[in-house]
Amino acid sequence: MATIDFNSMTLNEIELVEQLTGRNIDSIMADDAPRGRTFKAIIFVYKKRTNPDFTFEQAGAFSLEEASALFGGDDEDPKAD
């Protein structure tokens, strides 16, 4: 699976991530930012592109390993749509 391409995010997707995390897009990956909700929000937005029925709760079921694969380039497809 391809990794999440942040540069391809639409403004609507960025706004949704900001709403879900309560932080602006520039600060969501800051050292002091909570990671769980941030990862969950980004995975939710990313997966909604190909699966409109994907839920925020489903994003929360990803393990750290699965989430890291999306952010880090693992070629396997964790939690396929």
N, C-alpha and C. Protein backbone atom coordinates (compact mmCIF):
# COMPACT_ATOMS: atom_id res chain seq x y z
N MET A 1 0.84 -1.18 0.00
CA MET A 1 0.00 0.00 0.00
C MET A 1 0.89 1.24 0.00
N ALA A 2 0.43 2.22 -0.69
CA ALA A 2 1.16 3.50 -0.72
C ALA A 2 1.05 4.19 0.64
N THR A 3 2.03 4.99 0.92
CA THR A 3 1.99 5.76 2.16
C THR A 3 1.07 6.96 1.97
N ILE A 4 0.72 7.57 3.05
CA ILE A 4 -0.13 8.76 3.01
C ILE A 4 0.68 9.90 2.41
N ASP A 5 0.15 10.50 1.36
CA ASP A 5 0.80 11.64 0.71
C ASP A 5 0.14 12.92 1.21
N PHE A 6 0.80 13.56 2.16
CA PHE A 6 0.22 14.76 2.78
C PHE A 6 0.05 15.90 1.78
N ASN A 7 0.90 15.97 0.77
CA ASN A 7 0.81 17.04 -0.22
C ASN A 7 -0.42 16.92 -1.11
N SER A 8 -1.01 15.72 -1.15
CA SER A 8 -2.20 15.54 -1.98
C SER A 8 -3.49 15.80 -1.21
N MET A 9 -3.38 16.10 0.07
CA MET A 9 -4.59 16.36 0.86
C MET A 9 -5.29 17.61 0.37
N THR A 10 -6.60 17.53 0.25
CA THR A 10 -7.38 18.70 -0.14
C THR A 10 -7.54 19.63 1.06
N LEU A 11 -7.94 20.83 0.79
CA LEU A 11 -8.19 21.77 1.89
C LEU A 11 -9.32 21.27 2.78
N ASN A 12 -10.32 20.62 2.20
CA ASN A 12 -11.40 20.06 3.02
C ASN A 12 -10.87 18.97 3.94
N GLU A 13 -9.95 18.13 3.44
CA GLU A 13 -9.37 17.09 4.27
C GLU A 13 -8.52 17.69 5.38
N ILE A 14 -7.75 18.71 5.06
CA ILE A 14 -6.93 19.38 6.08
C ILE A 14 -7.83 19.98 7.15
N GLU A 15 -8.90 20.62 6.72
CA GLU A 15 -9.83 21.21 7.68
C GLU A 15 -10.44 20.14 8.59
N LEU A 16 -10.79 18.99 8.02
CA LEU A 16 -11.37 17.92 8.82
C LEU A 16 -10.35 17.39 9.84
N VAL A 17 -9.10 17.20 9.43
CA VAL A 17 -8.06 16.77 10.36
C VAL A 17 -7.91 17.79 11.49
N GLU A 18 -7.93 19.07 11.14
CA GLU A 18 -7.82 20.12 12.16
C GLU A 18 -9.00 20.08 13.12
N GLN A 19 -10.20 19.87 12.59
CA GLN A 19 -11.39 19.80 13.45
C GLN A 19 -11.32 18.59 14.38
N LEU A 20 -10.90 17.46 13.85
CA LEU A 20 -10.85 16.24 14.64
C LEU A 20 -9.76 16.27 15.72
N THR A 21 -8.66 16.98 15.44
CA THR A 21 -7.55 17.02 16.39
C THR A 21 -7.59 18.25 17.29
N GLY A 22 -8.31 19.28 16.88
CA GLY A 22 -8.33 20.52 17.64
C GLY A 22 -7.03 21.31 17.53
N ARG A 23 -6.22 21.00 16.51
CA ARG A 23 -4.94 21.67 16.30
C ARG A 23 -4.83 22.08 14.84
N ASN A 24 -4.04 23.13 14.57
CA ASN A 24 -3.84 23.49 13.17
C ASN A 24 -2.87 22.51 12.53
N ILE A 25 -2.93 22.41 11.22
CA ILE A 25 -2.18 21.40 10.49
C ILE A 25 -0.67 21.52 10.72
N ASP A 26 -0.17 22.71 10.93
CA ASP A 26 1.26 22.90 11.15
C ASP A 26 1.73 22.36 12.50
N SER A 27 0.82 22.25 13.46
CA SER A 27 1.24 21.84 14.80
C SER A 27 0.88 20.40 15.15
N ILE A 28 0.19 19.70 14.26
CA ILE A 28 -0.29 18.37 14.66
C ILE A 28 0.82 17.36 14.87
N MET A 29 1.99 17.57 14.28
CA MET A 29 3.08 16.64 14.47
C MET A 29 4.21 17.24 15.30
N ALA A 30 3.92 18.32 16.01
CA ALA A 30 4.91 18.93 16.90
C ALA A 30 5.26 17.94 18.01
N ASP A 31 6.41 18.11 18.61
CA ASP A 31 6.88 17.18 19.63
C ASP A 31 5.91 17.02 20.80
N ASP A 32 5.18 18.09 21.14
CA ASP A 32 4.28 18.02 22.29
C ASP A 32 2.84 17.65 21.90
N ALA A 33 2.59 17.40 20.62
CA ALA A 33 1.24 17.09 20.15
C ALA A 33 0.88 15.64 20.47
N PRO A 34 -0.36 15.41 20.92
CA PRO A 34 -0.81 14.03 21.14
C PRO A 34 -0.80 13.27 19.82
N ARG A 35 -0.27 12.07 19.80
CA ARG A 35 -0.14 11.32 18.56
C ARG A 35 -1.35 10.45 18.24
N GLY A 36 -1.97 9.86 19.23
CA GLY A 36 -3.07 8.92 18.98
C GLY A 36 -4.19 9.53 18.18
N ARG A 37 -4.73 10.64 18.64
CA ARG A 37 -5.85 11.26 17.94
C ARG A 37 -5.41 11.80 16.59
N THR A 38 -4.18 12.29 16.49
CA THR A 38 -3.67 12.80 15.22
C THR A 38 -3.57 11.67 14.20
N PHE A 39 -2.96 10.55 14.58
CA PHE A 39 -2.87 9.42 13.66
C PHE A 39 -4.26 8.96 13.25
N LYS A 40 -5.15 8.86 14.22
CA LYS A 40 -6.51 8.40 13.96
C LYS A 40 -7.22 9.33 12.96
N ALA A 41 -7.07 10.63 13.13
CA ALA A 41 -7.72 11.59 12.23
C ALA A 41 -7.16 11.50 10.82
N ILE A 42 -5.85 11.40 10.69
CA ILE A 42 -5.24 11.34 9.37
C ILE A 42 -5.60 10.03 8.67
N ILE A 43 -5.56 8.92 9.39
CA ILE A 43 -5.94 7.63 8.81
C ILE A 43 -7.40 7.66 8.38
N PHE A 44 -8.26 8.22 9.20
CA PHE A 44 -9.68 8.35 8.87
C PHE A 44 -9.87 9.09 7.55
N VAL A 45 -9.25 10.24 7.41
CA VAL A 45 -9.39 11.04 6.19
C VAL A 45 -8.82 10.29 4.99
N TYR A 46 -7.68 9.67 5.16
CA TYR A 46 -7.02 8.94 4.08
C TYR A 46 -7.89 7.77 3.60
N LYS A 47 -8.40 6.97 4.53
CA LYS A 47 -9.19 5.80 4.17
C LYS A 47 -10.56 6.17 3.59
N LYS A 48 -11.11 7.32 3.99
CA LYS A 48 -12.40 7.78 3.45
C LYS A 48 -12.31 8.03 1.94
N ARG A 49 -11.12 8.29 1.44
CA ARG A 49 -10.96 8.52 -0.01
C ARG A 49 -11.41 7.31 -0.82
N THR A 50 -11.10 6.12 -0.33
CA THR A 50 -11.42 4.91 -1.08
C THR A 50 -12.56 4.11 -0.49
N ASN A 51 -12.96 4.45 0.73
CA ASN A 51 -14.05 3.74 1.39
C ASN A 51 -14.90 4.76 2.14
N PRO A 52 -15.94 5.29 1.47
CA PRO A 52 -16.78 6.32 2.10
C PRO A 52 -17.45 5.87 3.40
N ASP A 53 -17.55 4.56 3.62
CA ASP A 53 -18.18 4.04 4.83
C ASP A 53 -17.20 3.87 5.98
N PHE A 54 -15.91 4.13 5.76
CA PHE A 54 -14.90 3.99 6.80
C PHE A 54 -15.19 4.97 7.92
N THR A 55 -15.08 4.50 9.16
CA THR A 55 -15.44 5.34 10.31
C THR A 55 -14.22 5.77 11.12
N PHE A 56 -14.41 6.81 11.90
CA PHE A 56 -13.37 7.29 12.81
C PHE A 56 -13.01 6.19 13.82
N GLU A 57 -14.02 5.43 14.24
CA GLU A 57 -13.80 4.34 15.18
C GLU A 57 -12.93 3.25 14.56
N GLN A 58 -13.14 2.96 13.27
CA GLN A 58 -12.31 1.97 12.59
C GLN A 58 -10.85 2.43 12.54
N ALA A 59 -10.64 3.71 12.35
CA ALA A 59 -9.27 4.24 12.34
C ALA A 59 -8.61 4.00 13.69
N GLY A 60 -9.39 4.06 14.75
CA GLY A 60 -8.86 3.83 16.09
C GLY A 60 -8.48 2.39 16.36
N ALA A 61 -8.92 1.47 15.53
CA ALA A 61 -8.59 0.06 15.71
C ALA A 61 -7.22 -0.30 15.11
N PHE A 62 -6.60 0.62 14.39
CA PHE A 62 -5.27 0.36 13.82
C PHE A 62 -4.26 0.25 14.95
N SER A 63 -3.35 -0.69 14.84
CA SER A 63 -2.25 -0.77 15.80
C SER A 63 -1.22 0.29 15.44
N LEU A 64 -0.31 0.55 16.35
CA LEU A 64 0.76 1.50 16.07
C LEU A 64 1.58 1.03 14.87
N GLU A 65 1.80 -0.27 14.79
CA GLU A 65 2.55 -0.84 13.67
C GLU A 65 1.84 -0.58 12.34
N GLU A 66 0.53 -0.79 12.31
CA GLU A 66 -0.25 -0.56 11.10
C GLU A 66 -0.26 0.91 10.72
N ALA A 67 -0.42 1.77 11.71
CA ALA A 67 -0.42 3.21 11.44
C ALA A 67 0.95 3.64 10.93
N SER A 68 1.99 3.14 11.54
CA SER A 68 3.35 3.50 11.12
C SER A 68 3.62 3.07 9.69
N ALA A 69 3.04 1.95 9.27
CA ALA A 69 3.21 1.50 7.89
C ALA A 69 2.62 2.53 6.91
N LEU A 70 1.49 3.12 7.26
CA LEU A 70 0.90 4.14 6.40
C LEU A 70 1.74 5.40 6.35
N PHE A 71 2.35 5.73 7.46
CA PHE A 71 3.16 6.94 7.53
C PHE A 71 4.59 6.71 7.06
N GLY A 72 5.04 5.44 7.12
CA GLY A 72 6.45 5.19 6.87
C GLY A 72 6.81 4.42 5.62
N GLY A 73 5.82 3.93 4.87
CA GLY A 73 6.15 3.32 3.60
C GLY A 73 6.17 1.81 3.55
N ASP A 74 5.63 1.11 4.54
CA ASP A 74 5.54 -0.34 4.47
C ASP A 74 4.64 -0.71 3.29
N ASP A 75 5.02 -1.69 2.51
CA ASP A 75 4.27 -2.06 1.30
C ASP A 75 3.07 -2.96 1.57
N GLU A 76 2.93 -3.47 2.79
CA GLU A 76 1.78 -4.31 3.08
C GLU A 76 0.55 -3.45 3.29
N ASP A 77 -0.61 -4.07 3.18
CA ASP A 77 -1.88 -3.36 3.23
C ASP A 77 -2.62 -3.66 4.53
N PRO A 78 -2.26 -2.99 5.62
CA PRO A 78 -2.97 -3.26 6.88
C PRO A 78 -4.40 -2.76 6.83
N LYS A 79 -5.30 -3.55 7.38
CA LYS A 79 -6.71 -3.17 7.46
C LYS A 79 -7.24 -2.73 6.10
N ALA A 80 -7.05 -3.55 5.09
CA ALA A 80 -7.51 -3.22 3.73
C ALA A 80 -8.98 -2.86 3.77
N ASP A 81 -9.34 -1.97 2.87
CA ASP A 81 -10.74 -1.48 2.83
C ASP A 81 -11.70 -2.61 2.76
